[in-house]
Amino acid sequence: MAHDMNETIAALTAPGKGLLAADESTGTIEKRFKALDIPCTEDTRRRYREMLFTTHGLGEFISGVILFEETLRQKADDGRPLPQVLIEQGIVPGIKVDKGTVALAHFPGDKLTQGLDGLAARLAEYQPLGARFAKWRAVFTITDETPSAQAIELNADALALYAAYCQQQSIVPIVEPEVLMDGDHTIERCAYVTQEVLAAVFHALHRQRVVLEHMLLKPSMVIAGKDCAHQAAPSEVADYTLRCFRRTVPAAVPSINFLSGGQRDEAASANLNAMHGAGLALPWNVSFSYSRALQSLPMATWKGNAANRSAAQLALYRRARLNSLAQQGRYASALEAQAA
């Protein structure tokens, strides 16, 4: 059944809400489970995600959840499909559709996201299972030599073609160009690369006739590399980020939902909050689409033990609430102690 993309956009951009990215690949979630001595099986992954999705009141702060394909087909203990569990919480289910990255030939350090082959057929299959939006991620590593112009252009073209396929199926595309925080680069270098990437992405979207009003952007914030000696304060992150995005992102885009990209939970909230306190009239909704910055404490609390389920759900609820406050410019670091 085709859904109206305007209705999906309206639901995803509801005031005070953001997205939960629960679309980790099997390999990625295995690494996170292993660090906590949690066995990684299809059933433990199902039980973990069911725990997240059945958190009472999650829909107060989360408008949509990005799922991994395996999760889209799984059921809760009571037999309900997991996408239906979300729908009953007032949350829109979505699906990650890219197939991960490969090294870009002849361009050391650059990567290209794959998954366009058969994408149209897969999207047609995902929609009846409940998916109303999709996500495709491209990654850009900052070094003295990367990202190359070739890597930027090829990934921008892939993002645009993916978005066009989605809209053809009445599925809202989330376009995710992530400039990685790995490395020792400065915030100035990150700003330069981010601006080059976004300019290429929107040029490609225009060429592919993607309707900007029917998409969301999921980018990284403009921050220094995690090994850089100078780590910017939230106000500085907000200044660099908003300057870059006001130069490159058309006002027709309904929402920018920032990824956390490995930031600490508190930093991701504080940086988002600072964007709403910068005193600028922004043409887009500015919110979050976090994975680790929402899941790290709930996963560490759960540890694969059913006895920890309620405590883990409470941790997720509190973290989602703090990010909702940040999305409204009402977050303060003092709230972290209260939440704990």
C-alpha atoms as a PDB file:
ATOM      1  CA  MET A   1       0.000   0.000   0.000  1.00  0.00           C
ATOM      2  CA  ALA A   2       1.415   3.365  -0.995  1.00  0.00           C
ATOM      3  CA  HIS A   3       1.595   5.998   1.721  1.00  0.00           C
ATOM      4  CA  ASP A   4       1.345   9.711   1.158  1.00  0.00           C
ATOM      5  CA  MET A   5       4.873  11.128   1.495  1.00  0.00           C
ATOM      6  CA  ASN A   6       3.547  14.405   2.898  1.00  0.00           C
ATOM      7  CA  GLU A   7       1.892  12.481   5.739  1.00  0.00           C
ATOM      8  CA  THR A   8       5.104  10.568   6.414  1.00  0.00           C
ATOM      9  CA  ILE A   9       7.161  13.776   6.457  1.00  0.00           C
ATOM     10  CA  ALA A  10       4.677  15.418   8.826  1.00  0.00           C
ATOM     11  CA  ALA A  11       4.861  12.449  11.200  1.00  0.00           C
ATOM     12  CA  LEU A  12       8.670  12.281  11.130  1.00  0.00           C
ATOM     13  CA  THR A  13       9.077  16.015  11.776  1.00  0.00           C
ATOM     14  CA  ALA A  14       6.615  16.295  14.673  1.00  0.00           C
ATOM     15  CA  PRO A  15       7.708  18.976  17.186  1.00  0.00           C
ATOM     16  CA  GLY A  16       9.969  17.751  19.958  1.00  0.00           C
ATOM     17  CA  LYS A  17      10.674  14.427  18.282  1.00  0.00           C
ATOM     18  CA  GLY A  18      13.562  12.787  16.442  1.00  0.00           C
ATOM     19  CA  LEU A  19      14.623   9.437  15.021  1.00  0.00           C
ATOM     20  CA  LEU A  20      16.122   6.338  16.593  1.00  0.00           C
ATOM     21  CA  ALA A  21      18.585   4.576  14.298  1.00  0.00           C
ATOM     22  CA  ALA A  22      18.354   0.881  15.182  1.00  0.00           C
ATOM     23  CA  ASP A  23      19.652  -0.310  11.821  1.00  0.00           C
ATOM     24  CA  GLU A  24      23.052  -1.666  12.789  1.00  0.00           C
ATOM     25  CA  SER A  25      24.226  -4.429  10.489  1.00  0.00           C
ATOM     26  CA  THR A  26      24.765  -7.864  11.970  1.00  0.00           C
ATOM     27  CA  GLY A  27      28.526  -7.263  12.032  1.00  0.00           C
ATOM     28  CA  THR A  28      28.219  -3.898  13.773  1.00  0.00           C
ATOM     29  CA  ILE A  29      25.817  -5.033  16.474  1.00  0.00           C
ATOM     30  CA  GLU A  30      27.947  -8.143  17.034  1.00  0.00           C
ATOM     31  CA  LYS A  31      30.906  -5.907  17.928  1.00  0.00           C
ATOM     32  CA  ARG A  32      28.797  -3.912  20.379  1.00  0.00           C
ATOM     33  CA  PHE A  33      27.299  -7.048  21.920  1.00  0.00           C
ATOM     34  CA  LYS A  34      30.721  -8.683  22.201  1.00  0.00           C
ATOM     35  CA  ALA A  35      32.051  -5.730  24.203  1.00  0.00           C
ATOM     36  CA  LEU A  36      29.278  -6.418  26.736  1.00  0.00           C
ATOM     37  CA  ASP A  37      29.546 -10.239  26.610  1.00  0.00           C
ATOM     38  CA  ILE A  38      26.121 -10.525  24.961  1.00  0.00           C
ATOM     39  CA  PRO A  39      25.777 -13.469  22.550  1.00  0.00           C
ATOM     40  CA  CYS A  40      24.946 -12.263  19.042  1.00  0.00           C
ATOM     41  CA  THR A  41      22.267 -14.499  17.579  1.00  0.00           C
ATOM     42  CA  GLU A  42      19.183 -13.716  15.546  1.00  0.00           C
ATOM     43  CA  ASP A  43      17.088 -14.170  18.691  1.00  0.00           C
ATOM     44  CA  THR A  44      19.201 -11.945  20.951  1.00  0.00           C
ATOM     45  CA  ARG A  45      19.118  -9.229  18.295  1.00  0.00           C
ATOM     46  CA  ARG A  46      15.340  -9.627  18.084  1.00  0.00           C
ATOM     47  CA  ARG A  47      14.903  -9.531  21.864  1.00  0.00           C
ATOM     48  CA  TYR A  48      17.121  -6.477  22.162  1.00  0.00           C
ATOM     49  CA  ARG A  49      15.228  -4.519  19.546  1.00  0.00           C
ATOM     50  CA  GLU A  50      11.879  -5.636  20.926  1.00  0.00           C
ATOM     51  CA  MET A  51      13.024  -4.277  24.293  1.00  0.00           C
ATOM     52  CA  LEU A  52      13.775  -0.915  22.677  1.00  0.00           C
ATOM     53  CA  PHE A  53      10.551  -0.694  20.691  1.00  0.00           C
ATOM     54  CA  THR A  54       8.243  -1.642  23.565  1.00  0.00           C
ATOM     55  CA  THR A  55       9.594   1.089  25.850  1.00  0.00           C
ATOM     56  CA  HIS A  56       6.507   2.705  27.356  1.00  0.00           C
ATOM     57  CA  GLY A  57       6.063   6.276  26.136  1.00  0.00           C
ATOM     58  CA  LEU A  58       8.859   6.136  23.549  1.00  0.00           C
ATOM     59  CA  GLY A  59       6.547   7.720  20.988  1.00  0.00           C
ATOM     60  CA  GLU A  60       6.509  10.915  23.067  1.00  0.00           C
ATOM     61  CA  PHE A  61      10.024  11.684  21.834  1.00  0.00           C
ATOM     62  CA  ILE A  62      10.721   9.372  18.873  1.00  0.00           C
ATOM     63  CA  SER A  63       8.832   9.862  15.608  1.00  0.00           C
ATOM     64  CA  GLY A  64      10.527   7.170  13.517  1.00  0.00           C
ATOM     65  CA  VAL A  65      12.848   4.183  13.853  1.00  0.00           C
ATOM     66  CA  ILE A  66      15.279   3.038  11.160  1.00  0.00           C
ATOM     67  CA  LEU A  67      15.325  -0.767  11.012  1.00  0.00           C
ATOM     68  CA  PHE A  68      17.761  -3.323   9.668  1.00  0.00           C
ATOM     69  CA  GLU A  69      16.162  -5.664   7.101  1.00  0.00           C
ATOM     70  CA  GLU A  70      16.277  -8.597   9.519  1.00  0.00           C
ATOM     71  CA  THR A  71      14.282  -6.616  12.092  1.00  0.00           C
ATOM     72  CA  LEU A  72      11.632  -5.576   9.560  1.00  0.00           C
ATOM     73  CA  ARG A  73      10.706  -9.267   9.219  1.00  0.00           C
ATOM     74  CA  GLN A  74      10.859 -10.254  12.894  1.00  0.00           C
ATOM     75  CA  LYS A  75       8.057 -10.581  15.441  1.00  0.00           C
ATOM     76  CA  ALA A  76       7.723  -9.747  19.104  1.00  0.00           C
ATOM     77  CA  ASP A  77       7.195 -12.445  21.726  1.00  0.00           C
ATOM     78  CA  ASP A  78       3.427 -11.910  21.461  1.00  0.00           C
ATOM     79  CA  GLY A  79       3.465 -12.519  17.685  1.00  0.00           C
ATOM     80  CA  ARG A  80       3.150  -8.932  16.509  1.00  0.00           C
ATOM     81  CA  PRO A  81       5.495  -7.910  13.674  1.00  0.00           C
ATOM     82  CA  LEU A  82       8.075  -5.500  15.098  1.00  0.00           C
ATOM     83  CA  PRO A  83       7.047  -2.732  12.652  1.00  0.00           C
ATOM     84  CA  GLN A  84       3.498  -3.056  14.030  1.00  0.00           C
ATOM     85  CA  VAL A  85       4.857  -2.666  17.574  1.00  0.00           C
ATOM     86  CA  LEU A  86       6.274   0.693  16.502  1.00  0.00           C
ATOM     87  CA  ILE A  87       3.104   1.771  14.707  1.00  0.00           C
ATOM     88  CA  GLU A  88       1.085   1.097  17.870  1.00  0.00           C
ATOM     89  CA  GLN A  89       3.484   3.443  19.708  1.00  0.00           C
ATOM     90  CA  GLY A  90       2.751   6.154  17.133  1.00  0.00           C
ATOM     91  CA  ILE A  91       6.211   5.653  15.586  1.00  0.00           C
ATOM     92  CA  VAL A  92       6.879   5.388  11.842  1.00  0.00           C
ATOM     93  CA  PRO A  93       8.957   2.355  10.747  1.00  0.00           C
ATOM     94  CA  GLY A  94      11.755   2.847   8.222  1.00  0.00           C
ATOM     95  CA  ILE A  95      14.407   0.655   6.618  1.00  0.00           C
ATOM     96  CA  LYS A  96      18.128   0.864   5.867  1.00  0.00           C
ATOM     97  CA  VAL A  97      18.575  -0.130   2.226  1.00  0.00           C
ATOM     98  CA  ASP A  98      22.267   0.314   1.413  1.00  0.00           C
ATOM     99  CA  LYS A  99      24.571  -2.715   1.433  1.00  0.00           C
ATOM    100  CA  GLY A 100      27.577  -1.154   3.144  1.00  0.00           C
ATOM    101  CA  THR A 101      30.794   0.255   1.747  1.00  0.00           C
ATOM    102  CA  VAL A 102      33.676  -1.041  -0.363  1.00  0.00           C
ATOM    103  CA  ALA A 103      37.072   0.479  -1.043  1.00  0.00           C
ATOM    104  CA  LEU A 104      37.042   2.799  -4.049  1.00  0.00           C
ATOM    105  CA  ALA A 105      39.480   1.410  -6.613  1.00  0.00           C
ATOM    106  CA  HIS A 106      42.605   3.544  -7.194  1.00  0.00           C
ATOM    107  CA  PHE A 107      41.608   5.995  -4.432  1.00  0.00           C
ATOM    108  CA  PRO A 108      43.216   4.761  -1.191  1.00  0.00           C
ATOM    109  CA  GLY A 109      41.201   5.648   1.917  1.00  0.00           C
ATOM    110  CA  ASP A 110      37.998   6.447   0.024  1.00  0.00           C
ATOM    111  CA  LYS A 111      34.889   4.270   0.163  1.00  0.00           C
ATOM    112  CA  LEU A 112      31.847   3.812  -2.041  1.00  0.00           C
ATOM    113  CA  THR A 113      28.453   2.649  -0.774  1.00  0.00           C
ATOM    114  CA  GLN A 114      26.896  -0.232  -2.686  1.00  0.00           C
ATOM    115  CA  GLY A 115      23.332  -1.544  -2.984  1.00  0.00           C
ATOM    116  CA  LEU A 116      21.738   0.082  -6.029  1.00  0.00           C
ATOM    117  CA  ASP A 117      21.394  -3.238  -7.863  1.00  0.00           C
ATOM    118  CA  GLY A 118      17.881  -4.534  -7.292  1.00  0.00           C
ATOM    119  CA  LEU A 119      16.967  -1.578  -5.065  1.00  0.00           C
ATOM    120  CA  ALA A 120      13.668  -0.779  -6.780  1.00  0.00           C
ATOM    121  CA  ALA A 121      12.455  -4.370  -6.320  1.00  0.00           C
ATOM    122  CA  ARG A 122      13.553  -4.429  -2.667  1.00  0.00           C
ATOM    123  CA  LEU A 123      11.734  -1.169  -1.930  1.00  0.00           C
ATOM    124  CA  ALA A 124       8.544  -2.597  -3.414  1.00  0.00           C
ATOM    125  CA  GLU A 125       8.966  -5.581  -1.076  1.00  0.00           C
ATOM    126  CA  TYR A 126       9.685  -3.498   2.043  1.00  0.00           C
ATOM    127  CA  GLN A 127       6.661  -1.220   1.790  1.00  0.00           C
ATOM    128  CA  PRO A 128       3.999  -3.912   2.473  1.00  0.00           C
ATOM    129  CA  LEU A 129       6.080  -4.959   5.494  1.00  0.00           C
ATOM    130  CA  GLY A 130       5.550  -1.497   6.994  1.00  0.00           C
ATOM    131  CA  ALA A 131       8.474   0.637   5.815  1.00  0.00           C
ATOM    132  CA  ARG A 132       7.378   4.202   5.034  1.00  0.00           C
ATOM    133  CA  PHE A 133      10.846   5.719   4.769  1.00  0.00           C
ATOM    134  CA  ALA A 134      14.344   4.483   3.935  1.00  0.00           C
ATOM    135  CA  LYS A 135      17.960   5.388   4.599  1.00  0.00           C
ATOM    136  CA  TRP A 136      21.200   5.242   2.573  1.00  0.00           C
ATOM    137  CA  ARG A 137      24.552   6.122   4.137  1.00  0.00           C
ATOM    138  CA  ALA A 138      27.686   7.373   2.406  1.00  0.00           C
ATOM    139  CA  VAL A 139      30.892   7.879   4.403  1.00  0.00           C
ATOM    140  CA  PHE A 140      33.752  10.320   3.899  1.00  0.00           C
ATOM    141  CA  THR A 141      37.046  10.025   5.760  1.00  0.00           C
ATOM    142  CA  ILE A 142      39.105  13.175   6.312  1.00  0.00           C
ATOM    143  CA  THR A 143      42.872  12.963   5.782  1.00  0.00           C
ATOM    144  CA  ASP A 144      45.293  15.178   3.865  1.00  0.00           C
ATOM    145  CA  GLU A 145      44.341  13.254   0.696  1.00  0.00           C
ATOM    146  CA  THR A 146      40.716  12.279   1.330  1.00  0.00           C
ATOM    147  CA  PRO A 147      37.957  12.534   0.462  1.00  0.00           C
ATOM    148  CA  SER A 148      38.840  12.796  -3.210  1.00  0.00           C
ATOM    149  CA  ALA A 149      36.619  14.665  -5.652  1.00  0.00           C
ATOM    150  CA  GLN A 150      35.883  11.311  -7.292  1.00  0.00           C
ATOM    151  CA  ALA A 151      34.640   9.780  -4.035  1.00  0.00           C
ATOM    152  CA  ILE A 152      32.440  12.787  -3.317  1.00  0.00           C
ATOM    153  CA  GLU A 153      30.907  12.748  -6.805  1.00  0.00           C
ATOM    154  CA  LEU A 154      30.273   8.985  -6.985  1.00  0.00           C
ATOM    155  CA  ASN A 155      28.692   8.826  -3.525  1.00  0.00           C
ATOM    156  CA  ALA A 156      26.570  11.908  -4.244  1.00  0.00           C
ATOM    157  CA  ASP A 157      25.286  10.283  -7.443  1.00  0.00           C
ATOM    158  CA  ALA A 158      24.457   7.052  -5.586  1.00  0.00           C
ATOM    159  CA  LEU A 159      22.582   8.957  -2.862  1.00  0.00           C
ATOM    160  CA  ALA A 160      20.570  10.818  -5.491  1.00  0.00           C
ATOM    161  CA  LEU A 161      19.672   7.700  -7.468  1.00  0.00           C
ATOM    162  CA  TYR A 162      18.641   5.905  -4.263  1.00  0.00           C
ATOM    163  CA  ALA A 163      16.432   8.872  -3.304  1.00  0.00           C
ATOM    164  CA  ALA A 164      14.760   8.864  -6.714  1.00  0.00           C
ATOM    165  CA  TYR A 165      14.000   5.138  -6.477  1.00  0.00           C
ATOM    166  CA  CYS A 166      12.446   5.694  -3.033  1.00  0.00           C
ATOM    167  CA  GLN A 167      10.193   8.511  -4.149  1.00  0.00           C
ATOM    168  CA  GLN A 168       9.083   6.450  -7.121  1.00  0.00           C
ATOM    169  CA  GLN A 169       7.739   3.930  -4.575  1.00  0.00           C
ATOM    170  CA  SER A 170       6.201   6.661  -2.320  1.00  0.00           C
ATOM    171  CA  ILE A 171       8.878   5.951   0.307  1.00  0.00           C
ATOM    172  CA  VAL A 172      10.510   8.994   1.900  1.00  0.00           C
ATOM    173  CA  PRO A 173      14.313   8.842   1.464  1.00  0.00           C
ATOM    174  CA  ILE A 174      16.699   9.840   4.220  1.00  0.00           C
ATOM    175  CA  VAL A 175      19.929  11.001   2.595  1.00  0.00           C
ATOM    176  CA  GLU A 176      22.909  10.385   4.897  1.00  0.00           C
ATOM    177  CA  PRO A 177      26.302  11.827   3.895  1.00  0.00           C
ATOM    178  CA  GLU A 178      28.473  11.191   6.961  1.00  0.00           C
ATOM    179  CA  VAL A 179      31.788  12.984   7.309  1.00  0.00           C
ATOM    180  CA  LEU A 180      33.517  10.729   9.832  1.00  0.00           C
ATOM    181  CA  MET A 181      34.992  12.120  13.046  1.00  0.00           C
ATOM    182  CA  ASP A 182      37.912   9.666  12.909  1.00  0.00           C
ATOM    183  CA  GLY A 183      41.257  11.462  12.735  1.00  0.00           C
ATOM    184  CA  ASP A 184      42.967  14.563  14.084  1.00  0.00           C
ATOM    185  CA  HIS A 185      41.548  17.122  11.644  1.00  0.00           C
ATOM    186  CA  THR A 186      40.425  20.544  12.852  1.00  0.00           C
ATOM    187  CA  ILE A 187      36.872  21.796  12.890  1.00  0.00           C
ATOM    188  CA  GLU A 188      37.835  24.167  10.061  1.00  0.00           C
ATOM    189  CA  ARG A 189      38.910  21.226   7.891  1.00  0.00           C
ATOM    190  CA  CYS A 190      35.670  19.407   8.720  1.00  0.00           C
ATOM    191  CA  ALA A 191      33.660  22.482   7.722  1.00  0.00           C
ATOM    192  CA  TYR A 192      35.424  22.669   4.357  1.00  0.00           C
ATOM    193  CA  VAL A 193      34.892  18.985   3.571  1.00  0.00           C
ATOM    194  CA  THR A 194      31.278  19.015   4.753  1.00  0.00           C
ATOM    195  CA  GLN A 195      30.484  21.981   2.549  1.00  0.00           C
ATOM    196  CA  GLU A 196      32.045  20.283  -0.494  1.00  0.00           C
ATOM    197  CA  VAL A 197      30.102  17.083   0.189  1.00  0.00           C
ATOM    198  CA  LEU A 198      26.745  18.793   0.704  1.00  0.00           C
ATOM    199  CA  ALA A 199      27.155  20.954  -2.401  1.00  0.00           C
ATOM    200  CA  ALA A 200      27.813  17.824  -4.488  1.00  0.00           C
ATOM    201  CA  VAL A 201      24.911  15.915  -2.920  1.00  0.00           C
ATOM    202  CA  PHE A 202      22.328  18.593  -3.619  1.00  0.00           C
ATOM    203  CA  HIS A 203      23.638  19.119  -7.134  1.00  0.00           C
ATOM    204  CA  ALA A 204      23.186  15.377  -7.743  1.00  0.00           C
ATOM    205  CA  LEU A 205      19.712  15.394  -6.175  1.00  0.00           C
ATOM    206  CA  HIS A 206      18.730  18.210  -8.523  1.00  0.00           C
ATOM    207  CA  ARG A 207      20.039  16.332 -11.562  1.00  0.00           C
ATOM    208  CA  GLN A 208      18.085  13.220 -10.518  1.00  0.00           C
ATOM    209  CA  ARG A 209      14.875  15.278 -10.114  1.00  0.00           C
ATOM    210  CA  VAL A 210      14.475  14.350  -6.470  1.00  0.00           C
ATOM    211  CA  VAL A 211      11.666  16.322  -4.811  1.00  0.00           C
ATOM    212  CA  LEU A 212      13.388  18.029  -1.894  1.00  0.00           C
ATOM    213  CA  GLU A 213      10.130  18.476   0.017  1.00  0.00           C
ATOM    214  CA  HIS A 214       9.811  14.684   0.158  1.00  0.00           C
ATOM    215  CA  MET A 215      13.194  13.825   1.700  1.00  0.00           C
ATOM    216  CA  LEU A 216      15.109  14.249   4.950  1.00  0.00           C
ATOM    217  CA  LEU A 217      18.814  14.945   5.380  1.00  0.00           C
ATOM    218  CA  LYS A 218      20.808  12.980   7.962  1.00  0.00           C
ATOM    219  CA  PRO A 219      24.287  14.545   8.101  1.00  0.00           C
ATOM    220  CA  SER A 220      27.109  14.687  10.591  1.00  0.00           C
ATOM    221  CA  MET A 221      27.705  17.823  12.643  1.00  0.00           C
ATOM    222  CA  VAL A 222      30.726  19.967  11.887  1.00  0.00           C
ATOM    223  CA  ILE A 223      33.143  18.927  14.617  1.00  0.00           C
ATOM    224  CA  ALA A 224      36.873  18.379  14.993  1.00  0.00           C
ATOM    225  CA  GLY A 225      38.306  14.896  14.603  1.00  0.00           C
ATOM    226  CA  LYS A 226      38.199  12.883  17.804  1.00  0.00           C
ATOM    227  CA  ASP A 227      42.024  12.945  18.013  1.00  0.00           C
ATOM    228  CA  CYS A 228      42.292  16.705  17.483  1.00  0.00           C
ATOM    229  CA  ALA A 229      43.861  18.600  20.383  1.00  0.00           C
ATOM    230  CA  HIS A 230      41.154  21.274  20.308  1.00  0.00           C
ATOM    231  CA  GLN A 231      37.618  20.044  20.822  1.00  0.00           C
ATOM    232  CA  ALA A 232      35.102  22.801  20.178  1.00  0.00           C
ATOM    233  CA  ALA A 233      32.484  23.866  22.699  1.00  0.00           C
ATOM    234  CA  PRO A 234      28.827  23.378  21.741  1.00  0.00           C
ATOM    235  CA  SER A 235      28.430  27.038  20.762  1.00  0.00           C
ATOM    236  CA  GLU A 236      31.356  26.743  18.345  1.00  0.00           C
ATOM    237  CA  VAL A 237      30.003  23.496  16.894  1.00  0.00           C
ATOM    238  CA  ALA A 238      26.659  25.203  16.360  1.00  0.00           C
ATOM    239  CA  ASP A 239      28.265  28.204  14.649  1.00  0.00           C
ATOM    240  CA  TYR A 240      30.332  26.140  12.223  1.00  0.00           C
ATOM    241  CA  THR A 241      27.530  23.668  11.541  1.00  0.00           C
ATOM    242  CA  LEU A 242      24.763  26.159  10.882  1.00  0.00           C
ATOM    243  CA  ARG A 243      27.007  28.373   8.743  1.00  0.00           C
ATOM    244  CA  CYS A 244      27.885  25.389   6.576  1.00  0.00           C
ATOM    245  CA  PHE A 245      24.315  24.154   6.240  1.00  0.00           C
ATOM    246  CA  ARG A 246      22.814  27.561   5.545  1.00  0.00           C
ATOM    247  CA  ARG A 247      25.253  27.830   2.626  1.00  0.00           C
ATOM    248  CA  THR A 248      24.443  24.460   1.108  1.00  0.00           C
ATOM    249  CA  VAL A 249      21.048  23.008   2.124  1.00  0.00           C
ATOM    250  CA  PRO A 250      17.993  24.410   0.300  1.00  0.00           C
ATOM    251  CA  ALA A 251      15.113  25.689   2.406  1.00  0.00           C
ATOM    252  CA  ALA A 252      12.800  23.208   0.659  1.00  0.00           C
ATOM    253  CA  VAL A 253      14.300  20.347   2.683  1.00  0.00           C
ATOM    254  CA  PRO A 254      11.817  19.762   5.538  1.00  0.00           C
ATOM    255  CA  SER A 255      14.238  18.533   8.185  1.00  0.00           C
ATOM    256  CA  ILE A 256      17.887  18.023   9.057  1.00  0.00           C
ATOM    257  CA  ASN A 257      18.224  15.125  11.498  1.00  0.00           C
ATOM    258  CA  PHE A 258      21.811  15.024  12.691  1.00  0.00           C
ATOM    259  CA  LEU A 259      23.575  11.744  13.396  1.00  0.00           C
ATOM    260  CA  SER A 260      25.679  11.432  16.526  1.00  0.00           C
ATOM    261  CA  GLY A 261      28.616   9.790  14.758  1.00  0.00           C
ATOM    262  CA  GLY A 262      30.372   8.484  17.848  1.00  0.00           C
ATOM    263  CA  GLN A 263      29.935  11.571  20.021  1.00  0.00           C
ATOM    264  CA  ARG A 264      29.345  11.002  23.721  1.00  0.00           C
ATOM    265  CA  ASP A 265      25.667  10.988  24.674  1.00  0.00           C
ATOM    266  CA  GLU A 266      25.954  14.309  26.488  1.00  0.00           C
ATOM    267  CA  ALA A 267      27.930  15.993  23.702  1.00  0.00           C
ATOM    268  CA  ALA A 268      25.385  14.974  21.062  1.00  0.00           C
ATOM    269  CA  SER A 269      22.591  16.510  23.141  1.00  0.00           C
ATOM    270  CA  ALA A 270      24.531  19.661  24.033  1.00  0.00           C
ATOM    271  CA  ASN A 271      25.608  20.328  20.434  1.00  0.00           C
ATOM    272  CA  LEU A 272      22.066  19.903  19.112  1.00  0.00           C
ATOM    273  CA  ASN A 273      20.732  22.151  21.842  1.00  0.00           C
ATOM    274  CA  ALA A 274      23.269  24.864  20.966  1.00  0.00           C
ATOM    275  CA  MET A 275      21.956  24.996  17.404  1.00  0.00           C
ATOM    276  CA  HIS A 276      18.561  25.992  18.777  1.00  0.00           C
ATOM    277  CA  GLY A 277      20.139  28.638  20.972  1.00  0.00           C
ATOM    278  CA  ALA A 278      22.172  30.299  18.236  1.00  0.00           C
ATOM    279  CA  GLY A 279      19.524  32.947  17.614  1.00  0.00           C
ATOM    280  CA  LEU A 280      19.175  32.157  13.906  1.00  0.00           C
ATOM    281  CA  ALA A 281      15.951  31.755  11.976  1.00  0.00           C
ATOM    282  CA  LEU A 282      16.405  28.315  10.415  1.00  0.00           C
ATOM    283  CA  PRO A 283      14.435  27.284   7.317  1.00  0.00           C
ATOM    284  CA  TRP A 284      14.332  23.595   8.258  1.00  0.00           C
ATOM    285  CA  ASN A 285      13.320  21.521  11.239  1.00  0.00           C
ATOM    286  CA  VAL A 286      16.558  20.621  13.063  1.00  0.00           C
ATOM    287  CA  SER A 287      16.483  17.415  15.081  1.00  0.00           C
ATOM    288  CA  PHE A 288      18.334  14.149  15.740  1.00  0.00           C
ATOM    289  CA  SER A 289      18.675  10.674  14.280  1.00  0.00           C
ATOM    290  CA  TYR A 290      20.912   9.001  16.836  1.00  0.00           C
ATOM    291  CA  SER A 291      22.110   5.425  17.214  1.00  0.00           C
ATOM    292  CA  ARG A 292      24.804   5.080  19.850  1.00  0.00           C
ATOM    293  CA  ALA A 293      23.851   8.364  21.545  1.00  0.00           C
ATOM    294  CA  LEU A 294      20.450   6.810  22.291  1.00  0.00           C
ATOM    295  CA  GLN A 295      21.362   3.142  22.643  1.00  0.00           C
ATOM    296  CA  SER A 296      24.702   2.961  24.443  1.00  0.00           C
ATOM    297  CA  LEU A 297      23.356   3.104  28.001  1.00  0.00           C
ATOM    298  CA  PRO A 298      20.242   0.963  27.347  1.00  0.00           C
ATOM    299  CA  MET A 299      22.390  -1.755  25.737  1.00  0.00           C
ATOM    300  CA  ALA A 300      24.924  -1.685  28.579  1.00  0.00           C
ATOM    301  CA  THR A 301      22.072  -1.845  31.094  1.00  0.00           C
ATOM    302  CA  TRP A 302      20.253  -4.700  29.352  1.00  0.00           C
ATOM    303  CA  LYS A 303      23.287  -6.966  28.826  1.00  0.00           C
ATOM    304  CA  GLY A 304      21.072  -9.656  27.295  1.00  0.00           C
ATOM    305  CA  ASN A 305      19.361 -10.296  30.639  1.00  0.00           C
ATOM    306  CA  ALA A 306      15.552 -10.205  30.743  1.00  0.00           C
ATOM    307  CA  ALA A 307      15.718  -9.090  34.383  1.00  0.00           C
ATOM    308  CA  ASN A 308      17.314  -5.826  33.224  1.00  0.00           C
ATOM    309  CA  ARG A 309      14.621  -5.042  30.663  1.00  0.00           C
ATOM    310  CA  SER A 310      12.745  -2.382  32.650  1.00  0.00           C
ATOM    311  CA  ALA A 311      15.926  -0.592  33.709  1.00  0.00           C
ATOM    312  CA  ALA A 312      17.188  -0.563  30.114  1.00  0.00           C
ATOM    313  CA  GLN A 313      13.884   0.808  28.853  1.00  0.00           C
ATOM    314  CA  LEU A 314      13.968   3.541  31.475  1.00  0.00           C
ATOM    315  CA  ALA A 315      17.483   4.479  30.324  1.00  0.00           C
ATOM    316  CA  LEU A 316      16.253   4.754  26.729  1.00  0.00           C
ATOM    317  CA  TYR A 317      13.203   6.793  27.728  1.00  0.00           C
ATOM    318  CA  ARG A 318      15.325   9.249  29.698  1.00  0.00           C
ATOM    319  CA  ARG A 319      17.909   9.623  26.919  1.00  0.00           C
ATOM    320  CA  ALA A 320      15.191  10.155  24.316  1.00  0.00           C
ATOM    321  CA  ARG A 321      13.585  12.783  26.549  1.00  0.00           C
ATOM    322  CA  LEU A 322      16.885  14.672  26.925  1.00  0.00           C
ATOM    323  CA  ASN A 323      17.342  14.737  23.162  1.00  0.00           C
ATOM    324  CA  SER A 324      13.759  15.921  22.751  1.00  0.00           C
ATOM    325  CA  LEU A 325      14.575  18.810  25.074  1.00  0.00           C
ATOM    326  CA  ALA A 326      17.718  19.544  23.042  1.00  0.00           C
ATOM    327  CA  GLN A 327      15.621  19.590  19.869  1.00  0.00           C
ATOM    328  CA  GLN A 328      13.592  22.359  21.505  1.00  0.00           C
ATOM    329  CA  GLY A 329      16.580  24.283  22.884  1.00  0.00           C
ATOM    330  CA  ARG A 330      15.621  23.339  26.448  1.00  0.00           C
ATOM    331  CA  TYR A 331      18.452  20.961  27.341  1.00  0.00           C
ATOM    332  CA  ALA A 332      20.973  21.744  30.086  1.00  0.00           C
ATOM    333  CA  SER A 333      23.861  19.634  31.359  1.00  0.00           C
ATOM    334  CA  ALA A 334      22.359  19.739  34.861  1.00  0.00           C
ATOM    335  CA  LEU A 335      19.525  17.566  33.558  1.00  0.00           C
ATOM    336  CA  GLU A 336      21.979  14.698  33.073  1.00  0.00           C
ATOM    337  CA  ALA A 337      22.372  14.241  36.834  1.00  0.00           C
ATOM    338  CA  GLN A 338      18.617  14.417  37.341  1.00  0.00           C
ATOM    339  CA  ALA A 339      18.072  11.771  34.658  1.00  0.00           C
ATOM    340  CA  ALA A 340      20.679   9.503  36.229  1.00  0.00           C
END
